[in-house]
Amino acid sequence: MALLKVKFDQKKRVKLAQGLWLMNWFSVLAGIIIFSLGLFLKIELRKRSDVMNNSESHFVPNSLIGMGVLSCVFNSLAGKICYDALDPAKYARWKRWLKPYLAICVLFNIVLFLVALCCFLLRGSLENTLGQGLKNGMKYYRDTDTPGRCFMKKTIDMLQIEFKCCGNNGFRDWFEIQWISNRYLDFSSKEVKDRIKSNVDGRYLVDGVPFSCCNPSSPRPCIQYQITNNSAHYSYDHQTEELNLWVRGCRAALLSYYSSLMNSMGVVTLLIWLFEVTITIGLRYLQTSLDRVSNPEEPESESEGWLLEKSVPETWKAFLESVKKLGKGNQVEAEGADAGQAPEAG
């Protein structure tokens, strides 16, 4: 028994075809929106590619761009089919291609749904990418004279100023690396010598942070050096006082920014997916109702349209049987090829 059977006369079929034609062109615009969202996200990720460890984070924008292009192509073609459906002579050339086209549309909707889910689920991968990338970027902060790394100081400083953050997980991350270049150190100074000797790796470590970590909204002048030394500053206790540095780490700040972007894009993609599913269902009704017209010479006659020709369990069973037959057919062909090769070998 057919699932969700509906009766159509000529007037209803014409309205359905016209409505689907209009919806498909709206869906082309939706495809352009998906493409634009993916392109925007890719540009935003490219801006900070220097502080990202790998290219896994580009999976979502690349998928959105690809699905946007496919949406424009498929829905343009569907609009043409719906337009030709009003003319029996023009529809005849599309008739045998509609079933494969609908199968492709179903596959497209499944992939679009998975891409929308990826917008919500790839937060963990992005967090690892940002964490390792920021760690490497901070390590190269002092290499202003090294080709290929001379821009890293500016990148990190602009990042901390723009996102109001400091370090990877917090400002104390700067205490663990030498972020001051050797060219700006006086190696004849006793303090510099003592700090270098006290470190196993021979690095110049200080309890200080770059200027870009300072919060300009703080009423107190920025305490950038000797942050943990209470006696170095008047009326100061680093454990209890609200520091005039950005407290939040840049990994959390960037993750929050990109997560909000990807969540918004995921919501938009899900809404477009629902619209695409509606169009696919409408195309299925149009195809079945036009195929069931008893006499093509009399287009005014009534016909029935349905979503599935059989019930869901029967349709699923028939699908599995077709897959099994396809597998057996491939196996028989392989055995035949092996049997053909054996006599030649003999």
C-alpha atoms as a PDB file:
ATOM      1  CA  MET A   1       0.000   0.000   0.000  1.00  0.00           C
ATOM      2  CA  ALA A   2       1.310   3.420  -0.999  1.00  0.00           C
ATOM      3  CA  LEU A   3       2.472   5.738   1.775  1.00  0.00           C
ATOM      4  CA  LEU A   4       0.793   9.175   2.157  1.00  0.00           C
ATOM      5  CA  LYS A   5      -1.326   8.884  -0.984  1.00  0.00           C
ATOM      6  CA  VAL A   6      -2.847  12.135  -2.328  1.00  0.00           C
ATOM      7  CA  LYS A   7      -5.256  12.695  -5.241  1.00  0.00           C
ATOM      8  CA  PHE A   8      -4.405  15.332  -7.841  1.00  0.00           C
ATOM      9  CA  ASP A   9      -6.402  16.891 -10.639  1.00  0.00           C
ATOM     10  CA  GLN A  10      -4.888  19.048 -13.365  1.00  0.00           C
ATOM     11  CA  LYS A  11      -5.303  22.251 -11.343  1.00  0.00           C
ATOM     12  CA  LYS A  12      -3.505  20.809  -8.316  1.00  0.00           C
ATOM     13  CA  ARG A  13      -0.693  19.440 -10.476  1.00  0.00           C
ATOM     14  CA  VAL A  14      -0.200  22.825 -12.116  1.00  0.00           C
ATOM     15  CA  LYS A  15      -0.156  24.589  -8.736  1.00  0.00           C
ATOM     16  CA  LEU A  16       2.309  22.020  -7.382  1.00  0.00           C
ATOM     17  CA  ALA A  17       4.621  22.438 -10.372  1.00  0.00           C
ATOM     18  CA  GLN A  18       4.472  26.233 -10.184  1.00  0.00           C
ATOM     19  CA  GLY A  19       5.037  26.247  -6.425  1.00  0.00           C
ATOM     20  CA  LEU A  20       8.012  23.886  -6.739  1.00  0.00           C
ATOM     21  CA  TRP A  21       9.459  26.015  -9.546  1.00  0.00           C
ATOM     22  CA  LEU A  22       9.351  29.079  -7.283  1.00  0.00           C
ATOM     23  CA  MET A  23      10.717  27.154  -4.281  1.00  0.00           C
ATOM     24  CA  ASN A  24      13.617  25.806  -6.304  1.00  0.00           C
ATOM     25  CA  TRP A  25      14.712  29.281  -7.293  1.00  0.00           C
ATOM     26  CA  PHE A  26      14.494  30.359  -3.668  1.00  0.00           C
ATOM     27  CA  SER A  27      16.621  27.323  -2.895  1.00  0.00           C
ATOM     28  CA  VAL A  28      19.209  28.501  -5.443  1.00  0.00           C
ATOM     29  CA  LEU A  29      19.469  31.684  -3.372  1.00  0.00           C
ATOM     30  CA  ALA A  30      19.793  29.492  -0.269  1.00  0.00           C
ATOM     31  CA  GLY A  31      22.647  27.643  -1.979  1.00  0.00           C
ATOM     32  CA  ILE A  32      24.364  30.979  -2.585  1.00  0.00           C
ATOM     33  CA  ILE A  33      23.913  31.742   1.130  1.00  0.00           C
ATOM     34  CA  ILE A  34      25.520  28.406   2.113  1.00  0.00           C
ATOM     35  CA  PHE A  35      28.389  29.077  -0.285  1.00  0.00           C
ATOM     36  CA  SER A  36      28.864  32.591   1.151  1.00  0.00           C
ATOM     37  CA  LEU A  37      28.839  31.297   4.738  1.00  0.00           C
ATOM     38  CA  GLY A  38      31.474  28.686   3.916  1.00  0.00           C
ATOM     39  CA  LEU A  39      33.614  31.271   2.122  1.00  0.00           C
ATOM     40  CA  PHE A  40      33.326  33.718   5.038  1.00  0.00           C
ATOM     41  CA  LEU A  41      34.315  31.033   7.570  1.00  0.00           C
ATOM     42  CA  LYS A  42      37.249  29.952   5.394  1.00  0.00           C
ATOM     43  CA  ILE A  43      38.500  33.555   5.192  1.00  0.00           C
ATOM     44  CA  GLU A  44      38.177  33.951   8.973  1.00  0.00           C
ATOM     45  CA  LEU A  45      40.161  30.753   9.527  1.00  0.00           C
ATOM     46  CA  ARG A  46      42.777  31.823   6.982  1.00  0.00           C
ATOM     47  CA  LYS A  47      43.280  35.089   8.863  1.00  0.00           C
ATOM     48  CA  ARG A  48      44.561  33.135  11.856  1.00  0.00           C
ATOM     49  CA  SER A  49      46.094  30.148  10.106  1.00  0.00           C
ATOM     50  CA  ASP A  50      49.446  31.076  11.694  1.00  0.00           C
ATOM     51  CA  VAL A  51      48.110  30.080  15.114  1.00  0.00           C
ATOM     52  CA  MET A  52      46.397  26.883  13.926  1.00  0.00           C
ATOM     53  CA  ASN A  53      48.263  23.616  13.892  1.00  0.00           C
ATOM     54  CA  ASN A  54      46.695  21.914  10.849  1.00  0.00           C
ATOM     55  CA  SER A  55      44.077  22.210   8.123  1.00  0.00           C
ATOM     56  CA  GLU A  56      41.418  19.978   9.743  1.00  0.00           C
ATOM     57  CA  SER A  57      39.487  23.092  10.748  1.00  0.00           C
ATOM     58  CA  HIS A  58      38.846  23.842   7.048  1.00  0.00           C
ATOM     59  CA  PHE A  59      36.661  20.735   6.641  1.00  0.00           C
ATOM     60  CA  VAL A  60      33.486  22.626   7.603  1.00  0.00           C
ATOM     61  CA  PRO A  61      33.972  25.676   5.327  1.00  0.00           C
ATOM     62  CA  ASN A  62      35.056  23.473   2.409  1.00  0.00           C
ATOM     63  CA  SER A  63      31.967  21.298   2.906  1.00  0.00           C
ATOM     64  CA  LEU A  64      29.692  24.346   3.039  1.00  0.00           C
ATOM     65  CA  ILE A  65      31.222  25.747  -0.142  1.00  0.00           C
ATOM     66  CA  GLY A  66      30.794  22.421  -1.944  1.00  0.00           C
ATOM     67  CA  MET A  67      27.199  21.942  -0.776  1.00  0.00           C
ATOM     68  CA  GLY A  68      26.372  25.523  -1.772  1.00  0.00           C
ATOM     69  CA  VAL A  69      27.583  24.896  -5.329  1.00  0.00           C
ATOM     70  CA  LEU A  70      25.710  21.559  -5.562  1.00  0.00           C
ATOM     71  CA  SER A  71      22.548  23.192  -4.192  1.00  0.00           C
ATOM     72  CA  CYS A  72      22.635  25.831  -6.934  1.00  0.00           C
ATOM     73  CA  VAL A  73      23.158  23.175  -9.630  1.00  0.00           C
ATOM     74  CA  PHE A  74      20.524  20.702  -8.397  1.00  0.00           C
ATOM     75  CA  ASN A  75      17.852  23.296  -7.708  1.00  0.00           C
ATOM     76  CA  SER A  76      18.389  25.052 -11.043  1.00  0.00           C
ATOM     77  CA  LEU A  77      17.855  21.702 -12.766  1.00  0.00           C
ATOM     78  CA  ALA A  78      14.799  20.953 -10.589  1.00  0.00           C
ATOM     79  CA  GLY A  79      13.346  24.360 -11.488  1.00  0.00           C
ATOM     80  CA  LYS A  80      13.716  23.507 -15.174  1.00  0.00           C
ATOM     81  CA  ILE A  81      12.029  20.130 -14.636  1.00  0.00           C
ATOM     82  CA  CYS A  82       9.100  21.733 -12.796  1.00  0.00           C
ATOM     83  CA  TYR A  83       8.713  24.305 -15.561  1.00  0.00           C
ATOM     84  CA  ASP A  84       8.672  21.616 -18.271  1.00  0.00           C
ATOM     85  CA  ALA A  85       6.249  19.483 -16.244  1.00  0.00           C
ATOM     86  CA  LEU A  86       3.410  21.797 -17.292  1.00  0.00           C
ATOM     87  CA  ASP A  87       3.926  20.695 -20.922  1.00  0.00           C
ATOM     88  CA  PRO A  88       3.420  16.911 -21.493  1.00  0.00           C
ATOM     89  CA  ALA A  89       5.678  16.941 -24.563  1.00  0.00           C
ATOM     90  CA  LYS A  90       8.576  18.545 -22.685  1.00  0.00           C
ATOM     91  CA  TYR A  91       8.008  16.428 -19.582  1.00  0.00           C
ATOM     92  CA  ALA A  92       8.340  13.199 -21.606  1.00  0.00           C
ATOM     93  CA  ARG A  93      12.097  13.734 -22.061  1.00  0.00           C
ATOM     94  CA  TRP A  94      12.582  14.092 -18.276  1.00  0.00           C
ATOM     95  CA  LYS A  95      10.356  11.168 -17.292  1.00  0.00           C
ATOM     96  CA  ARG A  96      12.951   8.381 -17.200  1.00  0.00           C
ATOM     97  CA  TRP A  97      15.527  10.568 -15.436  1.00  0.00           C
ATOM     98  CA  LEU A  98      13.319  11.679 -12.559  1.00  0.00           C
ATOM     99  CA  LYS A  99      13.765   8.591 -10.370  1.00  0.00           C
ATOM    100  CA  PRO A 100      17.596   8.671 -10.474  1.00  0.00           C
ATOM    101  CA  TYR A 101      17.451  12.435  -9.953  1.00  0.00           C
ATOM    102  CA  LEU A 102      15.243  12.028  -6.871  1.00  0.00           C
ATOM    103  CA  ALA A 103      17.649   9.396  -5.492  1.00  0.00           C
ATOM    104  CA  ILE A 104      20.505  11.900  -5.925  1.00  0.00           C
ATOM    105  CA  CYS A 105      18.407  14.558  -4.179  1.00  0.00           C
ATOM    106  CA  VAL A 106      17.845  12.229  -1.206  1.00  0.00           C
ATOM    107  CA  LEU A 107      21.605  11.569  -1.014  1.00  0.00           C
ATOM    108  CA  PHE A 108      22.264  15.323  -1.252  1.00  0.00           C
ATOM    109  CA  ASN A 109      19.863  15.977   1.639  1.00  0.00           C
ATOM    110  CA  ILE A 110      21.589  13.343   3.789  1.00  0.00           C
ATOM    111  CA  VAL A 111      25.013  14.888   3.140  1.00  0.00           C
ATOM    112  CA  LEU A 112      23.668  18.404   3.795  1.00  0.00           C
ATOM    113  CA  PHE A 113      22.266  17.231   7.138  1.00  0.00           C
ATOM    114  CA  LEU A 114      25.643  15.703   8.075  1.00  0.00           C
ATOM    115  CA  VAL A 115      27.434  18.943   7.160  1.00  0.00           C
ATOM    116  CA  ALA A 116      25.010  20.857   9.389  1.00  0.00           C
ATOM    117  CA  LEU A 117      25.799  18.455  12.256  1.00  0.00           C
ATOM    118  CA  CYS A 118      29.543  18.919  11.678  1.00  0.00           C
ATOM    119  CA  CYS A 119      29.078  22.644  12.321  1.00  0.00           C
ATOM    120  CA  PHE A 120      28.029  21.732  15.874  1.00  0.00           C
ATOM    121  CA  LEU A 121      30.298  18.726  16.523  1.00  0.00           C
ATOM    122  CA  LEU A 122      33.797  19.795  15.421  1.00  0.00           C
ATOM    123  CA  ARG A 123      34.463  21.974  18.451  1.00  0.00           C
ATOM    124  CA  GLY A 124      36.920  19.445  19.974  1.00  0.00           C
ATOM    125  CA  SER A 125      39.057  19.269  16.829  1.00  0.00           C
ATOM    126  CA  LEU A 126      39.124  23.051  16.594  1.00  0.00           C
ATOM    127  CA  GLU A 127      40.147  23.338  20.249  1.00  0.00           C
ATOM    128  CA  ASN A 128      43.147  21.021  19.765  1.00  0.00           C
ATOM    129  CA  THR A 129      44.146  22.841  16.593  1.00  0.00           C
ATOM    130  CA  LEU A 130      44.060  26.232  18.304  1.00  0.00           C
ATOM    131  CA  GLY A 131      45.837  24.993  21.436  1.00  0.00           C
ATOM    132  CA  GLN A 132      48.841  23.558  19.592  1.00  0.00           C
ATOM    133  CA  GLY A 133      48.972  26.409  17.077  1.00  0.00           C
ATOM    134  CA  LEU A 134      48.965  29.106  19.760  1.00  0.00           C
ATOM    135  CA  LYS A 135      51.653  27.243  21.686  1.00  0.00           C
ATOM    136  CA  ASN A 136      53.915  27.224  18.610  1.00  0.00           C
ATOM    137  CA  GLY A 137      53.093  30.856  17.825  1.00  0.00           C
ATOM    138  CA  MET A 138      54.095  31.994  21.312  1.00  0.00           C
ATOM    139  CA  LYS A 139      57.332  30.003  21.047  1.00  0.00           C
ATOM    140  CA  TYR A 140      58.259  31.928  17.869  1.00  0.00           C
ATOM    141  CA  TYR A 141      57.180  35.308  19.271  1.00  0.00           C
ATOM    142  CA  ARG A 142      60.772  36.454  19.820  1.00  0.00           C
ATOM    143  CA  ASP A 143      62.065  35.393  16.362  1.00  0.00           C
ATOM    144  CA  THR A 144      61.613  38.797  14.751  1.00  0.00           C
ATOM    145  CA  ASP A 145      64.856  38.353  12.775  1.00  0.00           C
ATOM    146  CA  THR A 146      64.127  34.838  11.505  1.00  0.00           C
ATOM    147  CA  PRO A 147      62.747  34.609   7.924  1.00  0.00           C
ATOM    148  CA  GLY A 148      59.306  33.057   7.926  1.00  0.00           C
ATOM    149  CA  ARG A 149      58.706  33.894  11.603  1.00  0.00           C
ATOM    150  CA  CYS A 150      59.367  37.636  11.720  1.00  0.00           C
ATOM    151  CA  PHE A 151      55.624  38.356  11.458  1.00  0.00           C
ATOM    152  CA  MET A 152      54.642  36.151  14.419  1.00  0.00           C
ATOM    153  CA  LYS A 153      55.115  38.856  17.055  1.00  0.00           C
ATOM    154  CA  LYS A 154      52.721  41.190  15.255  1.00  0.00           C
ATOM    155  CA  THR A 155      50.221  38.345  14.719  1.00  0.00           C
ATOM    156  CA  ILE A 156      50.163  37.387  18.411  1.00  0.00           C
ATOM    157  CA  ASP A 157      50.002  41.003  19.601  1.00  0.00           C
ATOM    158  CA  MET A 158      47.100  41.874  17.262  1.00  0.00           C
ATOM    159  CA  LEU A 159      45.328  38.675  18.278  1.00  0.00           C
ATOM    160  CA  GLN A 160      45.591  39.465  22.019  1.00  0.00           C
ATOM    161  CA  ILE A 161      44.431  43.053  21.492  1.00  0.00           C
ATOM    162  CA  GLU A 162      41.511  42.131  19.210  1.00  0.00           C
ATOM    163  CA  PHE A 163      40.170  39.252  21.313  1.00  0.00           C
ATOM    164  CA  LYS A 164      41.138  40.724  24.707  1.00  0.00           C
ATOM    165  CA  CYS A 165      43.073  37.639  25.725  1.00  0.00           C
ATOM    166  CA  CYS A 166      46.540  36.699  26.935  1.00  0.00           C
ATOM    167  CA  GLY A 167      48.589  33.563  26.333  1.00  0.00           C
ATOM    168  CA  ASN A 168      47.257  30.177  25.373  1.00  0.00           C
ATOM    169  CA  ASN A 169      45.337  29.248  28.531  1.00  0.00           C
ATOM    170  CA  GLY A 170      46.181  32.417  30.475  1.00  0.00           C
ATOM    171  CA  PHE A 171      48.835  35.069  31.075  1.00  0.00           C
ATOM    172  CA  ARG A 172      51.043  32.633  33.060  1.00  0.00           C
ATOM    173  CA  ASP A 173      51.862  30.797  29.825  1.00  0.00           C
ATOM    174  CA  TRP A 174      54.265  33.618  29.004  1.00  0.00           C
ATOM    175  CA  PHE A 175      56.266  32.808  32.154  1.00  0.00           C
ATOM    176  CA  GLU A 176      57.283  29.433  30.676  1.00  0.00           C
ATOM    177  CA  ILE A 177      58.840  30.654  27.418  1.00  0.00           C
ATOM    178  CA  GLN A 178      61.497  33.153  26.454  1.00  0.00           C
ATOM    179  CA  TRP A 179      59.511  35.734  24.542  1.00  0.00           C
ATOM    180  CA  ILE A 180      62.213  38.451  24.623  1.00  0.00           C
ATOM    181  CA  SER A 181      64.759  38.200  21.789  1.00  0.00           C
ATOM    182  CA  ASN A 182      68.443  37.806  22.688  1.00  0.00           C
ATOM    183  CA  ARG A 183      69.292  40.929  20.692  1.00  0.00           C
ATOM    184  CA  TYR A 184      67.515  43.013  23.335  1.00  0.00           C
ATOM    185  CA  LEU A 185      69.288  41.412  26.307  1.00  0.00           C
ATOM    186  CA  ASP A 186      72.395  42.830  27.955  1.00  0.00           C
ATOM    187  CA  PHE A 187      74.492  39.729  28.570  1.00  0.00           C
ATOM    188  CA  SER A 188      76.959  41.732  30.622  1.00  0.00           C
ATOM    189  CA  SER A 189      74.243  42.351  33.211  1.00  0.00           C
ATOM    190  CA  LYS A 190      74.364  40.181  36.327  1.00  0.00           C
ATOM    191  CA  GLU A 191      70.576  39.810  36.410  1.00  0.00           C
ATOM    192  CA  VAL A 192      70.475  38.492  32.846  1.00  0.00           C
ATOM    193  CA  LYS A 193      73.332  36.067  33.518  1.00  0.00           C
ATOM    194  CA  ASP A 194      71.707  34.788  36.699  1.00  0.00           C
ATOM    195  CA  ARG A 195      68.355  34.183  35.009  1.00  0.00           C
ATOM    196  CA  ILE A 196      69.957  32.311  32.121  1.00  0.00           C
ATOM    197  CA  LYS A 197      72.109  30.188  34.448  1.00  0.00           C
ATOM    198  CA  SER A 198      69.148  29.357  36.673  1.00  0.00           C
ATOM    199  CA  ASN A 199      67.333  27.779  33.722  1.00  0.00           C
ATOM    200  CA  VAL A 200      68.251  24.272  32.573  1.00  0.00           C
ATOM    201  CA  ASP A 201      67.745  25.138  28.890  1.00  0.00           C
ATOM    202  CA  GLY A 202      69.611  28.418  29.169  1.00  0.00           C
ATOM    203  CA  ARG A 203      66.550  30.550  28.450  1.00  0.00           C
ATOM    204  CA  TYR A 204      65.790  34.015  29.777  1.00  0.00           C
ATOM    205  CA  LEU A 205      62.483  33.531  31.610  1.00  0.00           C
ATOM    206  CA  VAL A 206      60.666  36.364  33.388  1.00  0.00           C
ATOM    207  CA  ASP A 207      57.365  36.720  35.189  1.00  0.00           C
ATOM    208  CA  GLY A 208      56.258  39.238  32.597  1.00  0.00           C
ATOM    209  CA  VAL A 209      53.986  39.431  29.550  1.00  0.00           C
ATOM    210  CA  PRO A 210      53.953  41.360  26.241  1.00  0.00           C
ATOM    211  CA  PHE A 211      52.307  44.789  26.220  1.00  0.00           C
ATOM    212  CA  SER A 212      49.351  43.427  24.225  1.00  0.00           C
ATOM    213  CA  CYS A 213      48.163  41.587  27.357  1.00  0.00           C
ATOM    214  CA  CYS A 214      47.441  44.869  29.140  1.00  0.00           C
ATOM    215  CA  ASN A 215      43.825  45.873  29.704  1.00  0.00           C
ATOM    216  CA  PRO A 216      43.441  49.546  28.726  1.00  0.00           C
ATOM    217  CA  SER A 217      40.271  49.817  30.810  1.00  0.00           C
ATOM    218  CA  SER A 218      42.193  49.236  34.059  1.00  0.00           C
ATOM    219  CA  PRO A 219      42.540  52.397  36.207  1.00  0.00           C
ATOM    220  CA  ARG A 220      46.008  51.319  37.282  1.00  0.00           C
ATOM    221  CA  PRO A 221      49.027  51.613  34.935  1.00  0.00           C
ATOM    222  CA  CYS A 222      49.830  48.267  33.365  1.00  0.00           C
ATOM    223  CA  ILE A 223      51.930  45.950  35.521  1.00  0.00           C
ATOM    224  CA  GLN A 224      53.706  44.131  32.721  1.00  0.00           C
ATOM    225  CA  TYR A 225      56.877  42.929  34.476  1.00  0.00           C
ATOM    226  CA  GLN A 226      57.494  41.294  37.856  1.00  0.00           C
ATOM    227  CA  ILE A 227      53.847  40.355  38.018  1.00  0.00           C
ATOM    228  CA  THR A 228      54.342  37.899  40.888  1.00  0.00           C
ATOM    229  CA  ASN A 229      56.694  40.189  42.877  1.00  0.00           C
ATOM    230  CA  ASN A 230      54.543  42.074  45.412  1.00  0.00           C
ATOM    231  CA  SER A 231      57.456  44.182  46.692  1.00  0.00           C
ATOM    232  CA  ALA A 232      58.180  45.548  43.215  1.00  0.00           C
ATOM    233  CA  HIS A 233      54.941  47.528  43.140  1.00  0.00           C
ATOM    234  CA  TYR A 234      53.295  49.792  45.674  1.00  0.00           C
ATOM    235  CA  SER A 235      50.143  48.454  47.372  1.00  0.00           C
ATOM    236  CA  TYR A 236      50.095  45.314  45.282  1.00  0.00           C
ATOM    237  CA  ASP A 237      49.254  41.669  45.915  1.00  0.00           C
ATOM    238  CA  HIS A 238      49.246  39.486  42.803  1.00  0.00           C
ATOM    239  CA  GLN A 239      47.131  36.788  44.470  1.00  0.00           C
ATOM    240  CA  THR A 240      44.242  38.980  45.588  1.00  0.00           C
ATOM    241  CA  GLU A 241      44.307  42.038  43.370  1.00  0.00           C
ATOM    242  CA  GLU A 242      42.400  42.165  40.101  1.00  0.00           C
ATOM    243  CA  LEU A 243      45.269  42.189  37.611  1.00  0.00           C
ATOM    244  CA  ASN A 244      45.194  44.763  34.875  1.00  0.00           C
ATOM    245  CA  LEU A 245      45.906  42.048  32.312  1.00  0.00           C
ATOM    246  CA  TRP A 246      43.489  40.078  30.161  1.00  0.00           C
ATOM    247  CA  VAL A 247      42.643  37.020  32.251  1.00  0.00           C
ATOM    248  CA  ARG A 248      41.106  34.864  29.545  1.00  0.00           C
ATOM    249  CA  GLY A 249      43.391  32.735  27.374  1.00  0.00           C
ATOM    250  CA  CYS A 250      43.390  33.208  23.603  1.00  0.00           C
ATOM    251  CA  ARG A 251      42.448  29.584  22.960  1.00  0.00           C
ATOM    252  CA  ALA A 252      39.177  30.039  24.865  1.00  0.00           C
ATOM    253  CA  ALA A 253      38.545  33.403  23.180  1.00  0.00           C
ATOM    254  CA  LEU A 254      39.124  32.084  19.652  1.00  0.00           C
ATOM    255  CA  LEU A 255      37.206  28.890  20.355  1.00  0.00           C
ATOM    256  CA  SER A 256      34.229  30.903  21.586  1.00  0.00           C
ATOM    257  CA  TYR A 257      34.348  33.125  18.493  1.00  0.00           C
ATOM    258  CA  TYR A 258      34.591  30.297  15.961  1.00  0.00           C
ATOM    259  CA  SER A 259      32.104  28.108  17.829  1.00  0.00           C
ATOM    260  CA  SER A 260      29.481  30.863  17.766  1.00  0.00           C
ATOM    261  CA  LEU A 261      30.106  31.332  14.040  1.00  0.00           C
ATOM    262  CA  MET A 262      29.826  27.611  13.292  1.00  0.00           C
ATOM    263  CA  ASN A 263      26.728  27.193  15.488  1.00  0.00           C
ATOM    264  CA  SER A 264      24.984  30.030  13.648  1.00  0.00           C
ATOM    265  CA  MET A 265      25.957  28.512  10.315  1.00  0.00           C
ATOM    266  CA  GLY A 266      24.729  25.122  11.505  1.00  0.00           C
ATOM    267  CA  VAL A 267      21.309  26.559  12.352  1.00  0.00           C
ATOM    268  CA  VAL A 268      21.047  28.277   8.946  1.00  0.00           C
ATOM    269  CA  THR A 269      22.127  25.078   7.172  1.00  0.00           C
ATOM    270  CA  LEU A 270      19.529  23.024   9.080  1.00  0.00           C
ATOM    271  CA  LEU A 271      16.776  25.449   8.063  1.00  0.00           C
ATOM    272  CA  ILE A 272      17.886  25.228   4.429  1.00  0.00           C
ATOM    273  CA  TRP A 273      17.999  21.431   4.771  1.00  0.00           C
ATOM    274  CA  LEU A 274      14.349  21.404   5.882  1.00  0.00           C
ATOM    275  CA  PHE A 275      13.495  23.545   2.851  1.00  0.00           C
ATOM    276  CA  GLU A 276      15.377  21.127   0.561  1.00  0.00           C
ATOM    277  CA  VAL A 277      13.577  18.119   2.075  1.00  0.00           C
ATOM    278  CA  THR A 278      10.231  19.834   1.423  1.00  0.00           C
ATOM    279  CA  ILE A 279      11.201  20.401  -2.213  1.00  0.00           C
ATOM    280  CA  THR A 280      12.289  16.763  -2.618  1.00  0.00           C
ATOM    281  CA  ILE A 281       8.962  15.551  -1.200  1.00  0.00           C
ATOM    282  CA  GLY A 282       7.093  17.892  -3.554  1.00  0.00           C
ATOM    283  CA  LEU A 283       9.085  16.621  -6.533  1.00  0.00           C
ATOM    284  CA  ARG A 284       8.232  13.050  -5.563  1.00  0.00           C
ATOM    285  CA  TYR A 285       4.509  13.860  -5.494  1.00  0.00           C
ATOM    286  CA  LEU A 286       4.776  15.664  -8.829  1.00  0.00           C
ATOM    287  CA  GLN A 287       6.622  12.759 -10.425  1.00  0.00           C
ATOM    288  CA  THR A 288       4.233  10.054  -9.186  1.00  0.00           C
ATOM    289  CA  SER A 289       1.092  12.069  -9.979  1.00  0.00           C
ATOM    290  CA  LEU A 290       2.263  12.779 -13.543  1.00  0.00           C
ATOM    291  CA  ASP A 291       3.295   9.139 -14.083  1.00  0.00           C
ATOM    292  CA  ARG A 292      -0.137   7.940 -12.903  1.00  0.00           C
ATOM    293  CA  VAL A 293      -2.108  10.004 -15.407  1.00  0.00           C
ATOM    294  CA  SER A 294      -4.084   7.263 -17.181  1.00  0.00           C
ATOM    295  CA  ASN A 295      -4.293   9.029 -20.545  1.00  0.00           C
ATOM    296  CA  PRO A 296      -1.598  11.579 -21.408  1.00  0.00           C
ATOM    297  CA  GLU A 297      -3.853  12.857 -24.171  1.00  0.00           C
ATOM    298  CA  GLU A 298      -6.309  13.956 -21.470  1.00  0.00           C
ATOM    299  CA  PRO A 299      -4.254  15.981 -18.977  1.00  0.00           C
ATOM    300  CA  GLU A 300      -7.378  16.996 -17.069  1.00  0.00           C
ATOM    301  CA  SER A 301      -7.872  13.496 -15.685  1.00  0.00           C
ATOM    302  CA  GLU A 302      -7.246  12.788 -12.002  1.00  0.00           C
ATOM    303  CA  SER A 303      -4.252  10.871 -10.736  1.00  0.00           C
ATOM    304  CA  GLU A 304      -2.719   9.746  -7.465  1.00  0.00           C
ATOM    305  CA  GLY A 305       0.626  10.748  -6.022  1.00  0.00           C
ATOM    306  CA  TRP A 306       2.483   9.244  -3.095  1.00  0.00           C
ATOM    307  CA  LEU A 307       5.677   9.497  -1.173  1.00  0.00           C
ATOM    308  CA  LEU A 308       6.533   5.765  -1.244  1.00  0.00           C
ATOM    309  CA  GLU A 309       4.970   3.148  -3.481  1.00  0.00           C
ATOM    310  CA  LYS A 310       4.988   0.661  -0.577  1.00  0.00           C
ATOM    311  CA  SER A 311       5.087   0.925   3.191  1.00  0.00           C
ATOM    312  CA  VAL A 312       8.361   1.817   4.923  1.00  0.00           C
ATOM    313  CA  PRO A 313       9.221  -1.801   5.984  1.00  0.00           C
ATOM    314  CA  GLU A 314       8.433  -3.142   2.496  1.00  0.00           C
ATOM    315  CA  THR A 315      10.472  -0.384   0.834  1.00  0.00           C
ATOM    316  CA  TRP A 316      13.427  -1.058   3.130  1.00  0.00           C
ATOM    317  CA  LYS A 317      13.190  -4.805   2.464  1.00  0.00           C
ATOM    318  CA  ALA A 318      13.118  -4.236  -1.298  1.00  0.00           C
ATOM    319  CA  PHE A 319      16.154  -1.943  -1.004  1.00  0.00           C
ATOM    320  CA  LEU A 320      18.145  -4.574   0.899  1.00  0.00           C
ATOM    321  CA  GLU A 321      17.221  -7.245  -1.659  1.00  0.00           C
ATOM    322  CA  SER A 322      18.377  -5.014  -4.510  1.00  0.00           C
ATOM    323  CA  VAL A 323      21.678  -4.429  -2.700  1.00  0.00           C
ATOM    324  CA  LYS A 324      22.124  -8.200  -2.203  1.00  0.00           C
ATOM    325  CA  LYS A 325      21.393  -8.853  -5.890  1.00  0.00           C
ATOM    326  CA  LEU A 326      23.926  -6.220  -6.857  1.00  0.00           C
ATOM    327  CA  GLY A 327      26.532  -7.846  -4.595  1.00  0.00           C
ATOM    328  CA  LYS A 328      25.823 -11.319  -6.017  1.00  0.00           C
ATOM    329  CA  GLY A 329      26.053  -9.976  -9.555  1.00  0.00           C
ATOM    330  CA  ASN A 330      29.498  -8.498  -8.866  1.00  0.00           C
ATOM    331  CA  GLN A 331      30.609 -11.788  -7.282  1.00  0.00           C
ATOM    332  CA  VAL A 332      29.474 -13.809 -10.318  1.00  0.00           C
ATOM    333  CA  GLU A 333      31.320 -11.441 -12.642  1.00  0.00           C
ATOM    334  CA  ALA A 334      34.490 -11.786 -10.564  1.00  0.00           C
ATOM    335  CA  GLU A 335      34.265 -15.608 -10.592  1.00  0.00           C
ATOM    336  CA  GLY A 336      33.713 -15.566 -14.346  1.00  0.00           C
ATOM    337  CA  ALA A 337      36.789 -13.407 -14.824  1.00  0.00           C
ATOM    338  CA  ASP A 338      38.879 -15.803 -12.688  1.00  0.00           C
ATOM    339  CA  ALA A 339      37.596 -18.817 -14.635  1.00  0.00           C
ATOM    340  CA  GLY A 340      38.510 -17.122 -17.903  1.00  0.00           C
ATOM    341  CA  GLN A 341      42.049 -16.476 -16.726  1.00  0.00           C
ATOM    342  CA  ALA A 342      42.657 -20.084 -15.543  1.00  0.00           C
ATOM    343  CA  PRO A 343      42.671 -21.763 -18.987  1.00  0.00           C
ATOM    344  CA  GLU A 344      44.982 -19.078 -20.318  1.00  0.00           C
ATOM    345  CA  ALA A 345      47.364 -19.795 -17.488  1.00  0.00           C
ATOM    346  CA  GLY A 346      47.167 -23.546 -18.266  1.00  0.00           C
END
